[in-house]
Amino acid sequence: MLDPVSGDRAAPSIQGRAAIVTDLIERLTEAATAAIVNETQSLSYEPQRLKGIVLELTIDGHGAVIEGRCYVERKTKAIRGDRPMPAGRG
């Protein structure tokens, strides 16, 4: 909004800022939900090994979500064999 007297951009009101934040939160929540739902099969496979998920949402300067990614992280066990340790490692 432009201030009619000075011509400067006026800061949004508290209610205006709250509406902007609420709208952004809704868009981020929808994008996060879609990214996680896309990984349903990965999340349901061996859930006891699930370590976590990494969620990346890329937004543009106007707050629009332009890309969403979700990575599933799993716990793994190190396989230890009878191989000797490399020199300097033990």
PDB file of N, CA and C in Angstrom:
ATOM      1  N   MET A   1       0.839  -1.170   0.000  1.00  0.00           N
ATOM      2  CA  MET A   1       0.000   0.000   0.000  1.00  0.00           C
ATOM      3  C   MET A   1       0.884   1.232   0.000  1.00  0.00           C
ATOM      4  N   LEU A   2       0.521   2.226  -0.767  1.00  0.00           N
ATOM      5  CA  LEU A   2       1.256   3.473  -0.788  1.00  0.00           C
ATOM      6  C   LEU A   2       0.597   4.475   0.133  1.00  0.00           C
ATOM      7  N   ASP A   3       1.442   5.186   0.873  1.00  0.00           N
ATOM      8  CA  ASP A   3       0.953   6.272   1.719  1.00  0.00           C
ATOM      9  C   ASP A   3       0.556   7.415   0.790  1.00  0.00           C
ATOM     10  N   PRO A   4      -0.698   7.902   0.834  1.00  0.00           N
ATOM     11  CA  PRO A   4      -1.144   8.928  -0.107  1.00  0.00           C
ATOM     12  C   PRO A   4      -0.424  10.268   0.075  1.00  0.00           C
ATOM     13  N   VAL A   5       0.130  10.515   1.262  1.00  0.00           N
ATOM     14  CA  VAL A   5       0.795  11.801   1.498  1.00  0.00           C
ATOM     15  C   VAL A   5       2.242  11.763   1.042  1.00  0.00           C
ATOM     16  N   SER A   6       3.004  10.786   1.498  1.00  0.00           N
ATOM     17  CA  SER A   6       4.436  10.744   1.194  1.00  0.00           C
ATOM     18  C   SER A   6       4.762   9.942  -0.056  1.00  0.00           C
ATOM     19  N   GLY A   7       3.873   9.053  -0.474  1.00  0.00           N
ATOM     20  CA  GLY A   7       4.144   8.198  -1.624  1.00  0.00           C
ATOM     21  C   GLY A   7       4.983   6.981  -1.264  1.00  0.00           C
ATOM     22  N   ASP A   8       5.358   6.863   0.024  1.00  0.00           N
ATOM     23  CA  ASP A   8       6.142   5.708   0.476  1.00  0.00           C
ATOM     24  C   ASP A   8       5.231   4.509   0.669  1.00  0.00           C
ATOM     25  N   ARG A   9       5.870   3.348   0.634  1.00  0.00           N
ATOM     26  CA  ARG A   9       5.106   2.133   0.918  1.00  0.00           C
ATOM     27  C   ARG A   9       4.799   2.100   2.405  1.00  0.00           C
ATOM     28  N   ALA A  10       3.545   1.936   2.725  1.00  0.00           N
ATOM     29  CA  ALA A  10       3.128   1.841   4.125  1.00  0.00           C
ATOM     30  C   ALA A  10       3.258   0.392   4.574  1.00  0.00           C
ATOM     31  N   ALA A  11       3.697   0.209   5.802  1.00  0.00           N
ATOM     32  CA  ALA A  11       3.790  -1.142   6.354  1.00  0.00           C
ATOM     33  C   ALA A  11       2.389  -1.692   6.534  1.00  0.00           C
ATOM     34  N   PRO A  12       2.206  -2.996   6.278  1.00  0.00           N
ATOM     35  CA  PRO A  12       0.881  -3.575   6.491  1.00  0.00           C
ATOM     36  C   PRO A  12       0.484  -3.481   7.962  1.00  0.00           C
ATOM     37  N   SER A  13      -0.787  -3.425   8.202  1.00  0.00           N
ATOM     38  CA  SER A  13      -1.286  -3.385   9.575  1.00  0.00           C
ATOM     39  C   SER A  13      -1.000  -4.713  10.264  1.00  0.00           C
ATOM     40  N   ILE A  14      -1.189  -4.745  11.570  1.00  0.00           N
ATOM     41  CA  ILE A  14      -0.988  -5.988  12.315  1.00  0.00           C
ATOM     42  C   ILE A  14      -1.909  -7.071  11.769  1.00  0.00           C
ATOM     43  N   GLN A  15      -3.159  -6.718  11.489  1.00  0.00           N
ATOM     44  CA  GLN A  15      -4.100  -7.706  10.940  1.00  0.00           C
ATOM     45  C   GLN A  15      -3.639  -8.161   9.553  1.00  0.00           C
ATOM     46  N   GLY A  16      -3.108  -7.228   8.773  1.00  0.00           N
ATOM     47  CA  GLY A  16      -2.615  -7.581   7.439  1.00  0.00           C
ATOM     48  C   GLY A  16      -1.437  -8.530   7.504  1.00  0.00           C
ATOM     49  N   ARG A  17      -0.511  -8.258   8.438  1.00  0.00           N
ATOM     50  CA  ARG A  17       0.648  -9.150   8.611  1.00  0.00           C
ATOM     51  C   ARG A  17       0.202 -10.520   9.100  1.00  0.00           C
ATOM     52  N   ALA A  18      -0.755 -10.534  10.009  1.00  0.00           N
ATOM     53  CA  ALA A  18      -1.259 -11.816  10.525  1.00  0.00           C
ATOM     54  C   ALA A  18      -1.887 -12.630   9.400  1.00  0.00           C
ATOM     55  N   ALA A  19      -2.626 -11.971   8.519  1.00  0.00           N
ATOM     56  CA  ALA A  19      -3.258 -12.679   7.392  1.00  0.00           C
ATOM     57  C   ALA A  19      -2.201 -13.221   6.439  1.00  0.00           C
ATOM     58  N   ILE A  20      -1.128 -12.448   6.212  1.00  0.00           N
ATOM     59  CA  ILE A  20      -0.050 -12.902   5.331  1.00  0.00           C
ATOM     60  C   ILE A  20       0.634 -14.121   5.926  1.00  0.00           C
ATOM     61  N   VAL A  21       0.930 -14.076   7.219  1.00  0.00           N
ATOM     62  CA  VAL A  21       1.599 -15.192   7.890  1.00  0.00           C
ATOM     63  C   VAL A  21       0.695 -16.421   7.894  1.00  0.00           C
ATOM     64  N   THR A  22      -0.585 -16.220   8.182  1.00  0.00           N
ATOM     65  CA  THR A  22      -1.529 -17.343   8.203  1.00  0.00           C
ATOM     66  C   THR A  22      -1.613 -17.989   6.825  1.00  0.00           C
ATOM     67  N   ASP A  23      -1.659 -17.172   5.777  1.00  0.00           N
ATOM     68  CA  ASP A  23      -1.711 -17.697   4.410  1.00  0.00           C
ATOM     69  C   ASP A  23      -0.437 -18.474   4.085  1.00  0.00           C
ATOM     70  N   LEU A  24       0.714 -17.937   4.479  1.00  0.00           N
ATOM     71  CA  LEU A  24       1.981 -18.622   4.232  1.00  0.00           C
ATOM     72  C   LEU A  24       2.027 -19.952   4.964  1.00  0.00           C
ATOM     73  N   ILE A  25       1.598 -19.963   6.213  1.00  0.00           N
ATOM     74  CA  ILE A  25       1.587 -21.208   6.996  1.00  0.00           C
ATOM     75  C   ILE A  25       0.691 -22.247   6.331  1.00  0.00           C
ATOM     76  N   GLU A  26      -0.460 -21.823   5.840  1.00  0.00           N
ATOM     77  CA  GLU A  26      -1.366 -22.760   5.160  1.00  0.00           C
ATOM     78  C   GLU A  26      -0.714 -23.337   3.910  1.00  0.00           C
ATOM     79  N   ARG A  27      -0.049 -22.482   3.114  1.00  0.00           N
ATOM     80  CA  ARG A  27       0.607 -22.972   1.891  1.00  0.00           C
ATOM     81  C   ARG A  27       1.753 -23.910   2.223  1.00  0.00           C
ATOM     82  N   LEU A  28       2.538 -23.583   3.249  1.00  0.00           N
ATOM     83  CA  LEU A  28       3.648 -24.453   3.639  1.00  0.00           C
ATOM     84  C   LEU A  28       3.139 -25.793   4.162  1.00  0.00           C
ATOM     85  N   THR A  29       2.067 -25.762   4.939  1.00  0.00           N
ATOM     86  CA  THR A  29       1.477 -26.993   5.473  1.00  0.00           C
ATOM     87  C   THR A  29       0.956 -27.877   4.348  1.00  0.00           C
ATOM     88  N   GLU A  30       0.281 -27.285   3.378  1.00  0.00           N
ATOM     89  CA  GLU A  30      -0.234 -28.060   2.243  1.00  0.00           C
ATOM     90  C   GLU A  30       0.904 -28.673   1.443  1.00  0.00           C
ATOM     91  N   ALA A  31       1.968 -27.910   1.191  1.00  0.00           N
ATOM     92  CA  ALA A  31       3.102 -28.422   0.418  1.00  0.00           C
ATOM     93  C   ALA A  31       3.831 -29.519   1.190  1.00  0.00           C
ATOM     94  N   ALA A  32       3.995 -29.335   2.505  1.00  0.00           N
ATOM     95  CA  ALA A  32       4.655 -30.346   3.329  1.00  0.00           C
ATOM     96  C   ALA A  32       3.843 -31.636   3.333  1.00  0.00           C
ATOM     97  N   THR A  33       2.539 -31.504   3.469  1.00  0.00           N
ATOM     98  CA  THR A  33       1.665 -32.675   3.470  1.00  0.00           C
ATOM     99  C   THR A  33       1.788 -33.430   2.152  1.00  0.00           C
ATOM    100  N   ALA A  34       1.768 -32.716   1.039  1.00  0.00           N
ATOM    101  CA  ALA A  34       1.878 -33.356  -0.273  1.00  0.00           C
ATOM    102  C   ALA A  34       3.224 -34.070  -0.421  1.00  0.00           C
ATOM    103  N   ALA A  35       4.307 -33.439   0.036  1.00  0.00           N
ATOM    104  CA  ALA A  35       5.631 -34.058  -0.075  1.00  0.00           C
ATOM    105  C   ALA A  35       5.719 -35.316   0.779  1.00  0.00           C
ATOM    106  N   ILE A  36       5.155 -35.281   1.978  1.00  0.00           N
ATOM    107  CA  ILE A  36       5.191 -36.446   2.865  1.00  0.00           C
ATOM    108  C   ILE A  36       4.308 -37.563   2.329  1.00  0.00           C
ATOM    109  N   VAL A  37       3.115 -37.232   1.853  1.00  0.00           N
ATOM    110  CA  VAL A  37       2.215 -38.243   1.276  1.00  0.00           C
ATOM    111  C   VAL A  37       2.891 -38.935   0.098  1.00  0.00           C
ATOM    112  N   ASN A  38       3.697 -38.199  -0.651  1.00  0.00           N
ATOM    113  CA  ASN A  38       4.410 -38.776  -1.781  1.00  0.00           C
ATOM    114  C   ASN A  38       5.390 -39.861  -1.335  1.00  0.00           C
ATOM    115  N   GLU A  39       5.809 -39.841  -0.087  1.00  0.00           N
ATOM    116  CA  GLU A  39       6.745 -40.826   0.458  1.00  0.00           C
ATOM    117  C   GLU A  39       6.060 -41.890   1.313  1.00  0.00           C
ATOM    118  N   THR A  40       4.751 -42.038   1.193  1.00  0.00           N
ATOM    119  CA  THR A  40       3.998 -42.989   2.014  1.00  0.00           C
ATOM    120  C   THR A  40       4.580 -44.394   1.947  1.00  0.00           C
ATOM    121  N   GLN A  41       4.908 -44.861   0.765  1.00  0.00           N
ATOM    122  CA  GLN A  41       5.435 -46.217   0.612  1.00  0.00           C
ATOM    123  C   GLN A  41       6.770 -46.366   1.342  1.00  0.00           C
ATOM    124  N   SER A  42       7.646 -45.381   1.206  1.00  0.00           N
ATOM    125  CA  SER A  42       8.941 -45.433   1.896  1.00  0.00           C
ATOM    126  C   SER A  42       8.767 -45.364   3.403  1.00  0.00           C
ATOM    127  N   LEU A  43       7.831 -44.551   3.856  1.00  0.00           N
ATOM    128  CA  LEU A  43       7.613 -44.403   5.294  1.00  0.00           C
ATOM    129  C   LEU A  43       7.024 -45.663   5.919  1.00  0.00           C
ATOM    130  N   SER A  44       6.229 -46.404   5.161  1.00  0.00           N
ATOM    131  CA  SER A  44       5.589 -47.592   5.715  1.00  0.00           C
ATOM    132  C   SER A  44       6.478 -48.838   5.645  1.00  0.00           C
ATOM    133  N   TYR A  45       7.570 -48.793   4.875  1.00  0.00           N
ATOM    134  CA  TYR A  45       8.476 -49.933   4.770  1.00  0.00           C
ATOM    135  C   TYR A  45       9.415 -49.943   5.970  1.00  0.00           C
ATOM    136  N   GLU A  46       9.424 -51.007   6.737  1.00  0.00           N
ATOM    137  CA  GLU A  46      10.260 -51.185   7.921  1.00  0.00           C
ATOM    138  C   GLU A  46      10.255 -49.936   8.805  1.00  0.00           C
ATOM    139  N   PRO A  47       9.086 -49.594   9.338  1.00  0.00           N
ATOM    140  CA  PRO A  47       8.993 -48.368  10.134  1.00  0.00           C
ATOM    141  C   PRO A  47       9.883 -48.373  11.375  1.00  0.00           C
ATOM    142  N   GLN A  48      10.272 -49.549  11.875  1.00  0.00           N
ATOM    143  CA  GLN A  48      11.148 -49.612  13.044  1.00  0.00           C
ATOM    144  C   GLN A  48      12.547 -49.076  12.728  1.00  0.00           C
ATOM    145  N   ARG A  49      12.917 -49.019  11.468  1.00  0.00           N
ATOM    146  CA  ARG A  49      14.228 -48.487  11.073  1.00  0.00           C
ATOM    147  C   ARG A  49      14.167 -47.016  10.683  1.00  0.00           C
ATOM    148  N   LEU A  50      12.990 -46.428  10.753  1.00  0.00           N
ATOM    149  CA  LEU A  50      12.835 -45.027  10.378  1.00  0.00           C
ATOM    150  C   LEU A  50      13.571 -44.137  11.373  1.00  0.00           C
ATOM    151  N   LYS A  51      14.476 -43.343  10.874  1.00  0.00           N
ATOM    152  CA  LYS A  51      15.235 -42.428  11.719  1.00  0.00           C
ATOM    153  C   LYS A  51      14.583 -41.050  11.691  1.00  0.00           C
ATOM    154  N   GLY A  52      14.064 -40.664  10.544  1.00  0.00           N
ATOM    155  CA  GLY A  52      13.425 -39.362  10.419  1.00  0.00           C
ATOM    156  C   GLY A  52      13.191 -39.025   8.956  1.00  0.00           C
ATOM    157  N   ILE A  53      12.670 -37.847   8.754  1.00  0.00           N
ATOM    158  CA  ILE A  53      12.482 -37.361   7.398  1.00  0.00           C
ATOM    159  C   ILE A  53      13.098 -35.970   7.312  1.00  0.00           C
ATOM    160  N   VAL A  54      13.552 -35.647   6.118  1.00  0.00           N
ATOM    161  CA  VAL A  54      14.057 -34.306   5.836  1.00  0.00           C
ATOM    162  C   VAL A  54      13.096 -33.701   4.831  1.00  0.00           C
ATOM    163  N   LEU A  55      12.582 -32.558   5.163  1.00  0.00           N
ATOM    164  CA  LEU A  55      11.606 -31.892   4.317  1.00  0.00           C
ATOM    165  C   LEU A  55      12.186 -30.568   3.860  1.00  0.00           C
ATOM    166  N   GLU A  56      12.221 -30.354   2.554  1.00  0.00           N
ATOM    167  CA  GLU A  56      12.717 -29.100   1.991  1.00  0.00           C
ATOM    168  C   GLU A  56      11.603 -28.453   1.184  1.00  0.00           C
ATOM    169  N   LEU A  57      11.278 -27.232   1.515  1.00  0.00           N
ATOM    170  CA  LEU A  57      10.302 -26.472   0.746  1.00  0.00           C
ATOM    171  C   LEU A  57      10.996 -25.219   0.233  1.00  0.00           C
ATOM    172  N   THR A  58      10.919 -24.999  -1.062  1.00  0.00           N
ATOM    173  CA  THR A  58      11.508 -23.805  -1.657  1.00  0.00           C
ATOM    174  C   THR A  58      10.375 -22.848  -1.979  1.00  0.00           C
ATOM    175  N   ILE A  59      10.518 -21.618  -1.496  1.00  0.00           N
ATOM    176  CA  ILE A  59       9.480 -20.623  -1.760  1.00  0.00           C
ATOM    177  C   ILE A  59      10.084 -19.452  -2.514  1.00  0.00           C
ATOM    178  N   ASP A  60       9.253 -18.776  -3.287  1.00  0.00           N
ATOM    179  CA  ASP A  60       9.723 -17.601  -4.009  1.00  0.00           C
ATOM    180  C   ASP A  60       9.558 -16.355  -3.134  1.00  0.00           C
ATOM    181  N   GLY A  61       9.894 -15.211  -3.655  1.00  0.00           N
ATOM    182  CA  GLY A  61       9.847 -13.966  -2.909  1.00  0.00           C
ATOM    183  C   GLY A  61       8.458 -13.547  -2.472  1.00  0.00           C
ATOM    184  N   HIS A  62       7.443 -14.161  -3.047  1.00  0.00           N
ATOM    185  CA  HIS A  62       6.062 -13.836  -2.697  1.00  0.00           C
ATOM    186  C   HIS A  62       5.451 -14.867  -1.750  1.00  0.00           C
ATOM    187  N   GLY A  63       6.254 -15.849  -1.352  1.00  0.00           N
ATOM    188  CA  GLY A  63       5.765 -16.865  -0.424  1.00  0.00           C
ATOM    189  C   GLY A  63       5.107 -18.061  -1.088  1.00  0.00           C
ATOM    190  N   ALA A  64       5.151 -18.126  -2.416  1.00  0.00           N
ATOM    191  CA  ALA A  64       4.573 -19.277  -3.114  1.00  0.00           C
ATOM    192  C   ALA A  64       5.566 -20.438  -3.064  1.00  0.00           C
ATOM    193  N   VAL A  65       5.081 -21.623  -2.751  1.00  0.00           N
ATOM    194  CA  VAL A  65       5.932 -22.807  -2.721  1.00  0.00           C
ATOM    195  C   VAL A  65       6.175 -23.233  -4.155  1.00  0.00           C
ATOM    196  N   ILE A  66       7.450 -23.252  -4.557  1.00  0.00           N
ATOM    197  CA  ILE A  66       7.756 -23.613  -5.942  1.00  0.00           C
ATOM    198  C   ILE A  66       8.350 -25.012  -6.058  1.00  0.00           C
ATOM    199  N   GLU A  67       8.769 -25.579  -4.920  1.00  0.00           N
ATOM    200  CA  GLU A  67       9.296 -26.939  -4.948  1.00  0.00           C
ATOM    201  C   GLU A  67       9.248 -27.533  -3.547  1.00  0.00           C
ATOM    202  N   GLY A  68       8.961 -28.821  -3.477  1.00  0.00           N
ATOM    203  CA  GLY A  68       8.962 -29.521  -2.203  1.00  0.00           C
ATOM    204  C   GLY A  68       9.649 -30.862  -2.349  1.00  0.00           C
ATOM    205  N   ARG A  69      10.462 -31.209  -1.371  1.00  0.00           N
ATOM    206  CA  ARG A  69      11.166 -32.500  -1.375  1.00  0.00           C
ATOM    207  C   ARG A  69      11.063 -33.122   0.007  1.00  0.00           C
ATOM    208  N   CYS A  70      11.011 -34.437   0.018  1.00  0.00           N
ATOM    209  CA  CYS A  70      10.964 -35.173   1.276  1.00  0.00           C
ATOM    210  C   CYS A  70      11.901 -36.364   1.138  1.00  0.00           C
ATOM    211  N   TYR A  71      12.814 -36.495   2.090  1.00  0.00           N
ATOM    212  CA  TYR A  71      13.750 -37.619   2.110  1.00  0.00           C
ATOM    213  C   TYR A  71      13.503 -38.438   3.363  1.00  0.00           C
ATOM    214  N   VAL A  72      13.498 -39.753   3.200  1.00  0.00           N
ATOM    215  CA  VAL A  72      13.323 -40.661   4.331  1.00  0.00           C
ATOM    216  C   VAL A  72      14.711 -41.113   4.775  1.00  0.00           C
ATOM    217  N   GLU A  73      14.988 -40.978   6.066  1.00  0.00           N
ATOM    218  CA  GLU A  73      16.259 -41.428   6.624  1.00  0.00           C
ATOM    219  C   GLU A  73      16.017 -42.696   7.432  1.00  0.00           C
ATOM    220  N   ARG A  74      16.900 -43.673   7.259  1.00  0.00           N
ATOM    221  CA  ARG A  74      16.769 -44.952   7.949  1.00  0.00           C
ATOM    222  C   ARG A  74      18.000 -45.229   8.801  1.00  0.00           C
ATOM    223  N   LYS A  75      17.774 -45.954   9.875  1.00  0.00           N
ATOM    224  CA  LYS A  75      18.879 -46.414  10.712  1.00  0.00           C
ATOM    225  C   LYS A  75      19.509 -47.619  10.031  1.00  0.00           C
ATOM    226  N   THR A  76      20.814 -47.664  10.016  1.00  0.00           N
ATOM    227  CA  THR A  76      21.506 -48.821   9.458  1.00  0.00           C
ATOM    228  C   THR A  76      22.537 -49.304  10.459  1.00  0.00           C
ATOM    229  N   LYS A  77      22.884 -50.556  10.351  1.00  0.00           N
ATOM    230  CA  LYS A  77      23.921 -51.132  11.203  1.00  0.00           C
ATOM    231  C   LYS A  77      25.180 -51.264  10.370  1.00  0.00           C
ATOM    232  N   ALA A  78      26.297 -50.903  10.974  1.00  0.00           N
ATOM    233  CA  ALA A  78      27.575 -51.082  10.293  1.00  0.00           C
ATOM    234  C   ALA A  78      27.884 -52.568  10.222  1.00  0.00           C
ATOM    235  N   ILE A  79      28.298 -53.012   9.068  1.00  0.00           N
ATOM    236  CA  ILE A  79      28.651 -54.418   8.888  1.00  0.00           C
ATOM    237  C   ILE A  79      30.125 -54.563   9.218  1.00  0.00           C
ATOM    238  N   ARG A  80      30.389 -55.360  10.225  1.00  0.00           N
ATOM    239  CA  ARG A  80      31.779 -55.583  10.631  1.00  0.00           C
ATOM    240  C   ARG A  80      32.144 -57.022  10.289  1.00  0.00           C
ATOM    241  N   GLY A  81      33.158 -57.134   9.512  1.00  0.00           N
ATOM    242  CA  GLY A  81      33.609 -58.466   9.121  1.00  0.00           C
ATOM    243  C   GLY A  81      34.935 -58.788   9.781  1.00  0.00           C
ATOM    244  N   ASP A  82      35.595 -59.782   9.241  1.00  0.00           N
ATOM    245  CA  ASP A  82      36.895 -60.194   9.763  1.00  0.00           C
ATOM    246  C   ASP A  82      38.033 -59.459   9.073  1.00  0.00           C
ATOM    247  N   ARG A  83      37.689 -58.387   8.364  1.00  0.00           N
ATOM    248  CA  ARG A  83      38.729 -57.655   7.644  1.00  0.00           C
ATOM    249  C   ARG A  83      39.569 -56.851   8.637  1.00  0.00           C
ATOM    250  N   PRO A  84      40.877 -56.816   8.434  1.00  0.00           N
ATOM    251  CA  PRO A  84      41.721 -56.021   9.321  1.00  0.00           C
ATOM    252  C   PRO A  84      41.457 -54.525   9.109  1.00  0.00           C
ATOM    253  N   MET A  85      41.697 -53.753  10.147  1.00  0.00           N
ATOM    254  CA  MET A  85      41.551 -52.306  10.052  1.00  0.00           C
ATOM    255  C   MET A  85      42.642 -51.753   9.154  1.00  0.00           C
ATOM    256  N   PRO A  86      42.363 -50.732   8.367  1.00  0.00           N
ATOM    257  CA  PRO A  86      43.394 -50.107   7.550  1.00  0.00           C
ATOM    258  C   PRO A  86      44.505 -49.530   8.450  1.00  0.00           C
ATOM    259  N   ALA A  87      45.695 -49.433   7.908  1.00  0.00           N
ATOM    260  CA  ALA A  87      46.834 -48.915   8.668  1.00  0.00           C
ATOM    261  C   ALA A  87      46.504 -47.543   9.230  1.00  0.00           C
ATOM    262  N   GLY A  88      46.858 -47.331  10.481  1.00  0.00           N
ATOM    263  CA  GLY A  88      46.612 -46.052  11.124  1.00  0.00           C
ATOM    264  C   GLY A  88      45.213 -45.910  11.675  1.00  0.00           C
ATOM    265  N   ARG A  89      44.409 -46.951  11.616  1.00  0.00           N
ATOM    266  CA  ARG A  89      43.007 -46.890  12.083  1.00  0.00           C
ATOM    267  C   ARG A  89      42.758 -47.859  13.221  1.00  0.00           C
ATOM    268  N   GLY A  90      43.566 -47.954  14.143  1.00  0.00           N
ATOM    269  CA  GLY A  90      43.233 -48.891  15.201  1.00  0.00           C
ATOM    270  C   GLY A  90      44.308 -49.021  16.134  1.00  0.00           C
TER     271      GLY A  90
END
